[in-house]
Amino acid sequence: MSDGRLKIVIGAYGSGKSEISVNLALKMRKENPDRKVLLADLDIVNPFYRSADAGKLLEQNNVRLISPMYANSNVDAPVLSGEVYVIFDDEDYSGVFDIGGEDMGATILGSMKSRLDKTDADLWMAVNTRRPFTATADEIIIMASELQEASKMKITGFINNTNVLEETTFDDILEGEKILLEVSKKTGIPLVMTTVMGETLSDEQIGQFATGEVLRMTRAIKYAY
């Protein structure tokens, strides 16, 4: 994983941003046991914050969870907590920002631009090529452009999170990687990571990915499908 102190995860609806964010934070904790780690849920669009489902898991692993006020309630006007600024003020922290709400949600990053410009941050776009609007290279490029415009930041990497939940196959993930490598070639933005759930793939299969890093994830979010 790159050395950026802050990982910001954006993407389209259904891209798996929250699942990735939780697992990235847990990976940070494992790789940096002497550093403080936080996960900030910055989805101020959707009042139902599923990343909060992982609160107990994060607490058990000594990861600080920061959620908007009224998260997990039926109040539709969540307020961003001032706690989120701790990562800018305390360099002992590493962390992950989970940005929801597509381009509308990404505007919150624009409001933090002056602080983000002074922080070692990566902006990664999670992509599930089995979801609407990100199924082809051209669709992904359009979505990436919209997210960059809204966030006033440049995407520094793509995450291949292609899946169909429990029905996901090795070929599904490999096809997603193929599409994202095409996007990378057209945009110059690298494919930095591919995700897999648990031990569903063998080390031999993992070795066939072109991606430099594979994130083996543990299911942390409850889905209401």
C-alpha atoms as a PDB file:
ATOM      1  CA  MET A   1       0.000   0.000   0.000  1.00  0.00           C
ATOM      2  CA  SER A   2       1.284   3.478  -0.827  1.00  0.00           C
ATOM      3  CA  ASP A   3       2.761   5.587   1.934  1.00  0.00           C
ATOM      4  CA  GLY A   4       0.077   8.312   1.912  1.00  0.00           C
ATOM      5  CA  ARG A   5      -1.023   9.036   5.491  1.00  0.00           C
ATOM      6  CA  LEU A   6      -4.629   9.559   4.389  1.00  0.00           C
ATOM      7  CA  LYS A   7      -6.578   7.348   1.980  1.00  0.00           C
ATOM      8  CA  ILE A   8      -9.749   8.885   0.554  1.00  0.00           C
ATOM      9  CA  VAL A   9     -12.161   6.417  -1.055  1.00  0.00           C
ATOM     10  CA  ILE A  10     -14.769   7.668  -3.533  1.00  0.00           C
ATOM     11  CA  GLY A  11     -16.913   5.978  -6.145  1.00  0.00           C
ATOM     12  CA  ALA A  12     -20.335   5.362  -7.624  1.00  0.00           C
ATOM     13  CA  TYR A  13     -23.266   3.930  -5.674  1.00  0.00           C
ATOM     14  CA  GLY A  14     -22.707   0.223  -5.135  1.00  0.00           C
ATOM     15  CA  SER A  15     -18.937   0.415  -5.638  1.00  0.00           C
ATOM     16  CA  GLY A  16     -18.279  -0.946  -2.136  1.00  0.00           C
ATOM     17  CA  LYS A  17     -16.600   2.176  -0.735  1.00  0.00           C
ATOM     18  CA  SER A  18     -17.543   1.485   2.868  1.00  0.00           C
ATOM     19  CA  GLU A  19     -16.402  -2.148   2.840  1.00  0.00           C
ATOM     20  CA  ILE A  20     -13.091  -1.106   1.314  1.00  0.00           C
ATOM     21  CA  SER A  21     -12.685   1.783   3.749  1.00  0.00           C
ATOM     22  CA  VAL A  22     -13.176  -0.438   6.787  1.00  0.00           C
ATOM     23  CA  ASN A  23     -10.713  -3.006   5.521  1.00  0.00           C
ATOM     24  CA  LEU A  24      -8.153  -0.371   4.543  1.00  0.00           C
ATOM     25  CA  ALA A  25      -8.328   1.060   8.057  1.00  0.00           C
ATOM     26  CA  LEU A  26      -7.846  -2.395   9.567  1.00  0.00           C
ATOM     27  CA  LYS A  27      -4.887  -2.975   7.240  1.00  0.00           C
ATOM     28  CA  MET A  28      -3.369   0.322   8.344  1.00  0.00           C
ATOM     29  CA  ARG A  29      -3.704  -0.736  11.955  1.00  0.00           C
ATOM     30  CA  LYS A  30      -2.035  -4.092  11.269  1.00  0.00           C
ATOM     31  CA  GLU A  31       0.830  -2.553   9.296  1.00  0.00           C
ATOM     32  CA  ASN A  32       1.328   0.426  11.635  1.00  0.00           C
ATOM     33  CA  PRO A  33       0.686  -0.861  15.183  1.00  0.00           C
ATOM     34  CA  ASP A  34       2.428   2.130  16.751  1.00  0.00           C
ATOM     35  CA  ARG A  35       0.365   4.762  14.918  1.00  0.00           C
ATOM     36  CA  LYS A  36      -3.102   6.057  15.661  1.00  0.00           C
ATOM     37  CA  VAL A  37      -5.623   5.090  12.978  1.00  0.00           C
ATOM     38  CA  LEU A  38      -9.069   6.502  12.221  1.00  0.00           C
ATOM     39  CA  LEU A  39     -11.910   5.873   9.797  1.00  0.00           C
ATOM     40  CA  ALA A  40     -14.112   8.867   9.008  1.00  0.00           C
ATOM     41  CA  ASP A  41     -17.520   8.223   7.448  1.00  0.00           C
ATOM     42  CA  LEU A  42     -18.075  11.396   5.423  1.00  0.00           C
ATOM     43  CA  ASP A  43     -21.288  10.385   3.672  1.00  0.00           C
ATOM     44  CA  ILE A  44     -23.486  13.406   4.385  1.00  0.00           C
ATOM     45  CA  VAL A  45     -25.959  12.559   1.625  1.00  0.00           C
ATOM     46  CA  ASN A  46     -27.453   9.249   2.733  1.00  0.00           C
ATOM     47  CA  PRO A  47     -28.760   9.301   6.342  1.00  0.00           C
ATOM     48  CA  PHE A  48     -28.181   5.555   6.772  1.00  0.00           C
ATOM     49  CA  TYR A  49     -24.489   4.954   7.397  1.00  0.00           C
ATOM     50  CA  ARG A  50     -23.740   1.305   6.950  1.00  0.00           C
ATOM     51  CA  SER A  51     -20.055   1.731   7.773  1.00  0.00           C
ATOM     52  CA  ALA A  52     -21.235   2.254  11.346  1.00  0.00           C
ATOM     53  CA  ASP A  53     -22.123  -1.461  11.303  1.00  0.00           C
ATOM     54  CA  ALA A  54     -18.394  -2.029  11.595  1.00  0.00           C
ATOM     55  CA  GLY A  55     -18.086   0.098  14.730  1.00  0.00           C
ATOM     56  CA  LYS A  56     -17.530  -2.817  17.081  1.00  0.00           C
ATOM     57  CA  LEU A  57     -14.976  -4.441  14.775  1.00  0.00           C
ATOM     58  CA  LEU A  58     -13.077  -1.174  14.454  1.00  0.00           C
ATOM     59  CA  GLU A  59     -13.146  -0.589  18.204  1.00  0.00           C
ATOM     60  CA  GLN A  60     -11.800  -4.090  18.830  1.00  0.00           C
ATOM     61  CA  ASN A  61      -8.891  -3.272  16.540  1.00  0.00           C
ATOM     62  CA  ASN A  62      -8.264   0.134  18.089  1.00  0.00           C
ATOM     63  CA  VAL A  63      -9.421   2.109  15.052  1.00  0.00           C
ATOM     64  CA  ARG A  64     -11.218   5.366  15.850  1.00  0.00           C
ATOM     65  CA  LEU A  65     -14.541   5.699  14.006  1.00  0.00           C
ATOM     66  CA  ILE A  66     -15.795   9.202  13.222  1.00  0.00           C
ATOM     67  CA  SER A  67     -19.368   9.434  11.915  1.00  0.00           C
ATOM     68  CA  PRO A  68     -21.637  12.385  11.097  1.00  0.00           C
ATOM     69  CA  MET A  69     -24.093  13.433  13.766  1.00  0.00           C
ATOM     70  CA  TYR A  70     -27.388  11.494  13.481  1.00  0.00           C
ATOM     71  CA  ALA A  71     -25.748   8.606  11.639  1.00  0.00           C
ATOM     72  CA  ASN A  72     -27.865   5.434  11.862  1.00  0.00           C
ATOM     73  CA  SER A  73     -30.974   7.501  12.523  1.00  0.00           C
ATOM     74  CA  ASN A  74     -33.896   8.647  10.406  1.00  0.00           C
ATOM     75  CA  VAL A  75     -32.746  12.266  10.503  1.00  0.00           C
ATOM     76  CA  ASP A  76     -32.021  13.297   6.930  1.00  0.00           C
ATOM     77  CA  ALA A  77     -29.699  16.220   7.708  1.00  0.00           C
ATOM     78  CA  PRO A  78     -26.510  14.666   9.111  1.00  0.00           C
ATOM     79  CA  VAL A  79     -23.865  17.126  10.304  1.00  0.00           C
ATOM     80  CA  LEU A  80     -20.161  16.615   9.728  1.00  0.00           C
ATOM     81  CA  SER A  81     -18.305  16.143  12.991  1.00  0.00           C
ATOM     82  CA  GLY A  82     -15.426  18.475  13.795  1.00  0.00           C
ATOM     83  CA  GLU A  83     -13.506  15.370  14.895  1.00  0.00           C
ATOM     84  CA  VAL A  84     -12.639  14.707  11.265  1.00  0.00           C
ATOM     85  CA  TYR A  85     -10.062  17.502  11.316  1.00  0.00           C
ATOM     86  CA  VAL A  86      -7.903  15.635  13.830  1.00  0.00           C
ATOM     87  CA  ILE A  87      -6.032  13.928  11.005  1.00  0.00           C
ATOM     88  CA  PHE A  88      -4.914  17.337   9.715  1.00  0.00           C
ATOM     89  CA  ASP A  89      -3.862  18.563  13.159  1.00  0.00           C
ATOM     90  CA  ASP A  90      -2.246  15.412  14.561  1.00  0.00           C
ATOM     91  CA  GLU A  91       0.370  13.864  12.274  1.00  0.00           C
ATOM     92  CA  ASP A  92       0.514  10.788  14.491  1.00  0.00           C
ATOM     93  CA  TYR A  93      -2.732   9.709  12.805  1.00  0.00           C
ATOM     94  CA  SER A  94      -3.144   7.684   9.640  1.00  0.00           C
ATOM     95  CA  GLY A  95      -6.649   7.192   8.345  1.00  0.00           C
ATOM     96  CA  VAL A  96      -9.313   6.607   5.748  1.00  0.00           C
ATOM     97  CA  PHE A  97     -12.088   8.936   4.577  1.00  0.00           C
ATOM     98  CA  ASP A  98     -15.159   7.082   3.268  1.00  0.00           C
ATOM     99  CA  ILE A  99     -16.869   9.495   0.856  1.00  0.00           C
ATOM    100  CA  GLY A 100     -20.453   8.638  -0.104  1.00  0.00           C
ATOM    101  CA  GLY A 101     -23.017  10.192  -2.378  1.00  0.00           C
ATOM    102  CA  GLU A 102     -21.101  10.140  -5.668  1.00  0.00           C
ATOM    103  CA  ASP A 103     -20.319  13.643  -6.971  1.00  0.00           C
ATOM    104  CA  MET A 104     -22.693  15.323  -4.515  1.00  0.00           C
ATOM    105  CA  GLY A 105     -20.917  13.714  -1.580  1.00  0.00           C
ATOM    106  CA  ALA A 106     -17.496  14.413  -3.073  1.00  0.00           C
ATOM    107  CA  THR A 107     -18.117  18.160  -2.798  1.00  0.00           C
ATOM    108  CA  ILE A 108     -17.261  17.851   0.896  1.00  0.00           C
ATOM    109  CA  LEU A 109     -13.648  17.360  -0.149  1.00  0.00           C
ATOM    110  CA  GLY A 110     -13.737  20.687  -1.960  1.00  0.00           C
ATOM    111  CA  SER A 111     -14.604  22.359   1.335  1.00  0.00           C
ATOM    112  CA  MET A 112     -11.457  20.817   2.858  1.00  0.00           C
ATOM    113  CA  LYS A 113      -9.167  21.630  -0.054  1.00  0.00           C
ATOM    114  CA  SER A 114      -6.854  23.990   1.834  1.00  0.00           C
ATOM    115  CA  ARG A 115      -6.233  21.330   4.490  1.00  0.00           C
ATOM    116  CA  LEU A 116      -5.979  18.430   2.049  1.00  0.00           C
ATOM    117  CA  ASP A 117      -3.420  20.278  -0.073  1.00  0.00           C
ATOM    118  CA  LYS A 118      -1.071  20.213   2.930  1.00  0.00           C
ATOM    119  CA  THR A 119      -1.680  16.536   3.715  1.00  0.00           C
ATOM    120  CA  ASP A 120      -0.100  13.414   2.245  1.00  0.00           C
ATOM    121  CA  ALA A 121      -3.338  12.036   0.812  1.00  0.00           C
ATOM    122  CA  ASP A 122      -4.307   9.520  -1.877  1.00  0.00           C
ATOM    123  CA  LEU A 123      -7.668   9.813  -3.645  1.00  0.00           C
ATOM    124  CA  TRP A 124      -8.713   6.340  -4.765  1.00  0.00           C
ATOM    125  CA  MET A 125     -11.827   5.557  -6.810  1.00  0.00           C
ATOM    126  CA  ALA A 126     -13.460   2.214  -6.028  1.00  0.00           C
ATOM    127  CA  VAL A 127     -15.009   0.587  -9.091  1.00  0.00           C
ATOM    128  CA  ASN A 128     -17.358  -2.364  -9.372  1.00  0.00           C
ATOM    129  CA  THR A 129     -17.633  -3.075 -13.088  1.00  0.00           C
ATOM    130  CA  ARG A 130     -20.705  -5.192 -12.445  1.00  0.00           C
ATOM    131  CA  ARG A 131     -22.734  -2.146 -11.412  1.00  0.00           C
ATOM    132  CA  PRO A 132     -24.646   0.340 -13.633  1.00  0.00           C
ATOM    133  CA  PHE A 133     -22.725   3.399 -14.870  1.00  0.00           C
ATOM    134  CA  THR A 134     -19.286   1.815 -14.293  1.00  0.00           C
ATOM    135  CA  ALA A 135     -19.565  -1.273 -16.482  1.00  0.00           C
ATOM    136  CA  THR A 136     -17.364  -0.024 -19.320  1.00  0.00           C
ATOM    137  CA  ALA A 137     -14.137   1.939 -19.622  1.00  0.00           C
ATOM    138  CA  ASP A 138     -15.940   4.965 -21.051  1.00  0.00           C
ATOM    139  CA  GLU A 139     -18.523   4.984 -18.242  1.00  0.00           C
ATOM    140  CA  ILE A 140     -15.785   4.783 -15.615  1.00  0.00           C
ATOM    141  CA  ILE A 141     -13.898   7.665 -17.218  1.00  0.00           C
ATOM    142  CA  ILE A 142     -17.044   9.824 -17.178  1.00  0.00           C
ATOM    143  CA  MET A 143     -17.725   8.983 -13.528  1.00  0.00           C
ATOM    144  CA  ALA A 144     -14.106   9.677 -12.585  1.00  0.00           C
ATOM    145  CA  SER A 145     -14.264  13.073 -14.303  1.00  0.00           C
ATOM    146  CA  GLU A 146     -17.441  14.003 -12.417  1.00  0.00           C
ATOM    147  CA  LEU A 147     -15.933  12.966  -9.081  1.00  0.00           C
ATOM    148  CA  GLN A 148     -12.739  14.904  -9.719  1.00  0.00           C
ATOM    149  CA  GLU A 149     -14.675  18.029 -10.636  1.00  0.00           C
ATOM    150  CA  ALA A 150     -16.846  17.786  -7.526  1.00  0.00           C
ATOM    151  CA  SER A 151     -13.984  17.035  -5.143  1.00  0.00           C
ATOM    152  CA  LYS A 152     -11.550  19.536  -6.700  1.00  0.00           C
ATOM    153  CA  MET A 153      -8.949  16.772  -6.438  1.00  0.00           C
ATOM    154  CA  LYS A 154      -7.292  14.453  -8.911  1.00  0.00           C
ATOM    155  CA  ILE A 155      -7.844  10.719  -8.566  1.00  0.00           C
ATOM    156  CA  THR A 156      -4.486   9.062  -7.896  1.00  0.00           C
ATOM    157  CA  GLY A 157      -5.555   5.442  -8.270  1.00  0.00           C
ATOM    158  CA  PHE A 158      -8.348   2.986  -9.072  1.00  0.00           C
ATOM    159  CA  ILE A 159      -9.428   0.071  -6.887  1.00  0.00           C
ATOM    160  CA  ASN A 160     -10.879  -2.932  -8.693  1.00  0.00           C
ATOM    161  CA  ASN A 161     -13.746  -4.030  -6.468  1.00  0.00           C
ATOM    162  CA  THR A 162     -15.646  -5.992  -9.116  1.00  0.00           C
ATOM    163  CA  ASN A 163     -18.052  -8.376  -7.437  1.00  0.00           C
ATOM    164  CA  VAL A 164     -21.560  -9.815  -7.404  1.00  0.00           C
ATOM    165  CA  LEU A 165     -21.468 -10.531  -3.670  1.00  0.00           C
ATOM    166  CA  GLU A 166     -21.467 -14.250  -2.869  1.00  0.00           C
ATOM    167  CA  GLU A 167     -21.675 -15.214  -6.549  1.00  0.00           C
ATOM    168  CA  THR A 168     -18.370 -13.536  -7.426  1.00  0.00           C
ATOM    169  CA  THR A 169     -15.923 -15.666  -9.401  1.00  0.00           C
ATOM    170  CA  PHE A 170     -12.250 -15.314 -10.225  1.00  0.00           C
ATOM    171  CA  ASP A 171     -13.218 -14.550 -13.837  1.00  0.00           C
ATOM    172  CA  ASP A 172     -15.487 -11.695 -12.676  1.00  0.00           C
ATOM    173  CA  ILE A 173     -12.594 -10.022 -10.852  1.00  0.00           C
ATOM    174  CA  LEU A 174     -10.162 -10.677 -13.703  1.00  0.00           C
ATOM    175  CA  GLU A 175     -12.579  -9.107 -16.210  1.00  0.00           C
ATOM    176  CA  GLY A 176     -12.959  -6.074 -13.952  1.00  0.00           C
ATOM    177  CA  GLU A 177      -9.202  -5.720 -13.830  1.00  0.00           C
ATOM    178  CA  LYS A 178      -9.036  -5.880 -17.624  1.00  0.00           C
ATOM    179  CA  ILE A 179     -11.526  -3.024 -17.942  1.00  0.00           C
ATOM    180  CA  LEU A 180      -9.717  -0.901 -15.370  1.00  0.00           C
ATOM    181  CA  LEU A 181      -6.357  -1.474 -17.015  1.00  0.00           C
ATOM    182  CA  GLU A 182      -7.940  -0.055 -20.174  1.00  0.00           C
ATOM    183  CA  VAL A 183      -9.144   2.948 -18.161  1.00  0.00           C
ATOM    184  CA  SER A 184      -5.666   3.345 -16.702  1.00  0.00           C
ATOM    185  CA  LYS A 185      -4.109   3.344 -20.162  1.00  0.00           C
ATOM    186  CA  LYS A 186      -6.530   6.051 -21.360  1.00  0.00           C
ATOM    187  CA  THR A 187      -6.302   8.276 -18.274  1.00  0.00           C
ATOM    188  CA  GLY A 188      -2.821   7.698 -16.918  1.00  0.00           C
ATOM    189  CA  ILE A 189      -4.337   6.899 -13.508  1.00  0.00           C
ATOM    190  CA  PRO A 190      -2.889   3.637 -12.161  1.00  0.00           C
ATOM    191  CA  LEU A 191      -4.803   0.599 -10.965  1.00  0.00           C
ATOM    192  CA  VAL A 192      -3.436   0.415  -7.420  1.00  0.00           C
ATOM    193  CA  MET A 193      -5.413  -2.397  -5.851  1.00  0.00           C
ATOM    194  CA  THR A 194      -7.771  -5.322  -6.427  1.00  0.00           C
ATOM    195  CA  THR A 195     -10.013  -6.613  -3.658  1.00  0.00           C
ATOM    196  CA  VAL A 196     -11.135 -10.153  -2.881  1.00  0.00           C
ATOM    197  CA  MET A 197     -13.387 -11.364  -0.118  1.00  0.00           C
ATOM    198  CA  GLY A 198     -11.695 -13.541   2.478  1.00  0.00           C
ATOM    199  CA  GLU A 199     -10.032 -16.698   1.242  1.00  0.00           C
ATOM    200  CA  THR A 200     -12.302 -17.181  -1.761  1.00  0.00           C
ATOM    201  CA  LEU A 201      -9.336 -17.166  -4.148  1.00  0.00           C
ATOM    202  CA  SER A 202      -6.156 -19.210  -3.954  1.00  0.00           C
ATOM    203  CA  ASP A 203      -2.680 -17.694  -3.844  1.00  0.00           C
ATOM    204  CA  GLU A 204      -2.171 -19.062  -7.354  1.00  0.00           C
ATOM    205  CA  GLN A 205      -5.205 -17.152  -8.627  1.00  0.00           C
ATOM    206  CA  ILE A 206      -4.127 -14.012  -6.763  1.00  0.00           C
ATOM    207  CA  GLY A 207      -0.786 -14.254  -8.513  1.00  0.00           C
ATOM    208  CA  GLN A 208      -2.474 -13.898 -11.897  1.00  0.00           C
ATOM    209  CA  PHE A 209      -3.664 -10.353 -11.229  1.00  0.00           C
ATOM    210  CA  ALA A 210      -1.692  -7.548 -12.842  1.00  0.00           C
ATOM    211  CA  THR A 211      -2.474  -5.288  -9.886  1.00  0.00           C
ATOM    212  CA  GLY A 212       0.466  -4.627  -7.614  1.00  0.00           C
ATOM    213  CA  GLU A 213      -1.547  -5.152  -4.429  1.00  0.00           C
ATOM    214  CA  VAL A 214      -4.502  -7.351  -3.472  1.00  0.00           C
ATOM    215  CA  LEU A 215      -6.645  -6.525  -0.441  1.00  0.00           C
ATOM    216  CA  ARG A 216      -8.204  -9.601   1.164  1.00  0.00           C
ATOM    217  CA  MET A 217     -11.293  -8.238   2.897  1.00  0.00           C
ATOM    218  CA  THR A 218     -13.403  -9.434   5.798  1.00  0.00           C
ATOM    219  CA  ARG A 219     -17.143  -8.765   5.475  1.00  0.00           C
ATOM    220  CA  ALA A 220     -17.880  -5.852   7.806  1.00  0.00           C
ATOM    221  CA  ILE A 221     -20.971  -4.175   6.313  1.00  0.00           C
ATOM    222  CA  LYS A 222     -24.522  -5.509   6.460  1.00  0.00           C
ATOM    223  CA  TYR A 223     -26.260  -5.287   3.098  1.00  0.00           C
ATOM    224  CA  ALA A 224     -29.973  -4.775   2.797  1.00  0.00           C
ATOM    225  CA  TYR A 225     -30.473  -6.547  -0.535  1.00  0.00           C
END
